[in-house]
Amino acid sequence: MLDEKQKIVHVLDELLNYALGNHPQKVTITIEELAERVQITVEEIDVQLSERECQEAERFLNIPRHNEMREYYGGLAGEETLSLRNLRIVGLMVDGGCLKSCESGTQLSIWWKPE
């Protein structure tokens, strides 16, 4: 099974592919290992998404997680084309996520309970 650091690397690979496909002026990534969960937040400056795009992304990020297939999903990271659909792989590896537009751009957060 993937350990937590490997999982972070796989998830970051997919999130960074997604973020760079949006052509942001700046990308900031925050990784937090909290007591109850691991959380990764990606902020993209000068990237604006519609409400529909945010809702679609959240739908991909909040699909049920399948622990028994986690290594397989991790191996797929970075293999898809650059689009909102990239977030499907991330959604299968994490417990939840959200994407919101803010004044400076967009903010994508995902989280999962460590094993």
Protein backbone atom coordinates (compact mmCIF):
# COMPACT_ATOMS: atom_id res chain seq x y z
CA MET A 1 0.00 0.00 0.00
CA LEU A 2 1.08 3.56 -0.59
CA ASP A 3 2.39 5.30 2.49
CA GLU A 4 1.24 8.85 3.24
CA LYS A 5 4.24 10.61 1.66
CA GLN A 6 3.87 8.61 -1.55
CA LYS A 7 0.17 9.39 -1.62
CA ILE A 8 0.91 13.11 -1.20
CA VAL A 9 3.33 12.94 -4.15
CA HIS A 10 0.79 11.17 -6.38
CA VAL A 11 -2.02 13.55 -5.46
CA LEU A 12 0.25 16.59 -5.94
CA ASP A 13 1.27 15.33 -9.38
CA GLU A 14 -2.34 15.24 -10.48
CA LEU A 15 -3.27 18.57 -8.85
CA LEU A 16 -0.26 20.32 -10.35
CA ASN A 17 -1.06 18.96 -13.82
CA TYR A 18 -4.58 20.30 -13.41
CA ALA A 19 -3.43 23.70 -12.09
CA LEU A 20 -0.80 24.26 -14.78
CA GLY A 21 -3.36 23.42 -17.46
CA ASN A 22 -5.25 26.53 -16.33
CA HIS A 23 -2.20 28.75 -17.10
CA PRO A 24 -2.11 30.57 -13.76
CA GLN A 25 0.14 33.53 -13.10
CA LYS A 26 1.16 31.93 -9.80
CA VAL A 27 0.47 28.61 -8.03
CA THR A 28 0.78 28.19 -4.26
CA ILE A 29 0.57 24.73 -2.69
CA THR A 30 0.03 24.18 1.03
CA ILE A 31 0.34 20.73 2.60
CA GLU A 32 -0.94 20.31 6.14
CA GLU A 33 -0.62 17.14 8.18
CA LEU A 34 -3.25 17.77 10.84
CA ALA A 35 -4.12 15.38 13.66
CA GLU A 36 -7.29 14.13 11.99
CA ARG A 37 -6.48 14.55 8.29
CA VAL A 38 -4.00 15.46 5.59
CA GLN A 39 -5.05 18.53 3.59
CA ILE A 40 -3.60 19.95 0.40
CA THR A 41 -4.64 23.36 -0.88
CA VAL A 42 -3.70 24.70 -4.31
CA GLU A 43 -4.26 28.39 -5.00
CA GLU A 44 -4.14 29.63 -8.58
CA ILE A 45 -3.72 33.37 -9.09
CA ASP A 46 -5.49 34.95 -12.09
CA VAL A 47 -7.56 31.83 -12.90
CA GLN A 48 -11.31 32.33 -12.84
CA LEU A 49 -13.70 29.40 -13.19
CA SER A 50 -17.44 29.54 -13.63
CA GLU A 51 -19.79 28.30 -10.94
CA ARG A 52 -20.63 25.33 -13.19
CA GLU A 53 -16.93 24.40 -13.51
CA CYS A 54 -16.51 24.60 -9.73
CA GLN A 55 -19.55 22.37 -9.18
CA GLU A 56 -18.31 19.83 -11.73
CA ALA A 57 -14.88 19.76 -10.08
CA GLU A 58 -16.44 19.23 -6.66
CA ARG A 59 -18.50 16.36 -8.04
CA PHE A 60 -15.28 14.67 -9.23
CA LEU A 61 -13.50 15.37 -5.94
CA ASN A 62 -16.27 13.94 -3.78
CA ILE A 63 -16.91 10.57 -5.42
CA PRO A 64 -16.67 7.57 -3.07
CA ARG A 65 -13.11 6.51 -2.27
CA HIS A 66 -12.05 2.89 -2.87
CA ASN A 67 -9.12 2.02 -0.58
CA GLU A 68 -8.52 -1.35 -2.20
CA MET A 69 -7.75 0.38 -5.53
CA ARG A 70 -5.77 3.33 -4.13
CA GLU A 71 -2.37 2.16 -5.47
CA TYR A 72 -3.85 1.73 -8.93
CA TYR A 73 -5.35 5.22 -8.90
CA GLY A 74 -2.03 6.62 -7.64
CA GLY A 75 -0.29 5.02 -10.62
CA LEU A 76 -2.66 6.80 -12.97
CA ALA A 77 -1.75 10.24 -11.62
CA GLY A 78 -0.66 12.53 -14.43
CA GLU A 79 -1.81 10.16 -17.19
CA GLU A 80 -4.95 11.99 -18.32
CA THR A 81 -5.33 15.11 -20.40
CA LEU A 82 -5.31 18.49 -18.67
CA SER A 83 -8.91 19.33 -17.75
CA LEU A 84 -11.40 19.27 -14.90
CA ARG A 85 -11.73 15.55 -15.53
CA ASN A 86 -8.18 15.08 -14.16
CA LEU A 87 -9.73 15.54 -10.76
CA ARG A 88 -11.53 12.17 -11.09
CA ILE A 89 -8.34 10.32 -10.16
CA VAL A 90 -7.80 12.61 -7.16
CA GLY A 91 -11.42 12.12 -6.08
CA LEU A 92 -10.93 8.36 -5.98
CA MET A 93 -7.91 8.74 -3.66
CA VAL A 94 -9.22 11.28 -1.13
CA ASP A 95 -12.12 11.66 1.29
CA GLY A 96 -13.31 15.01 -0.06
CA GLY A 97 -12.52 18.26 -1.77
CA CYS A 98 -13.81 21.65 -2.76
CA LEU A 99 -13.03 24.20 -5.45
CA LYS A 100 -14.05 27.82 -5.13
CA SER A 101 -13.46 31.02 -7.01
CA CYS A 102 -12.17 33.95 -5.04
CA GLU A 103 -11.16 37.50 -5.92
CA SER A 104 -7.56 36.59 -6.77
CA GLY A 105 -8.28 33.32 -8.60
CA THR A 106 -9.29 29.84 -7.49
CA GLN A 107 -8.63 27.72 -4.43
CA LEU A 108 -8.76 23.92 -4.55
CA SER A 109 -8.61 21.92 -1.31
CA ILE A 110 -8.60 18.14 -0.86
CA TRP A 111 -8.29 16.03 2.30
CA TRP A 112 -8.20 12.50 3.60
CA LYS A 113 -7.84 10.68 6.93
CA PRO A 114 -4.39 9.18 7.29
CA GLU A 115 -4.22 5.41 7.65
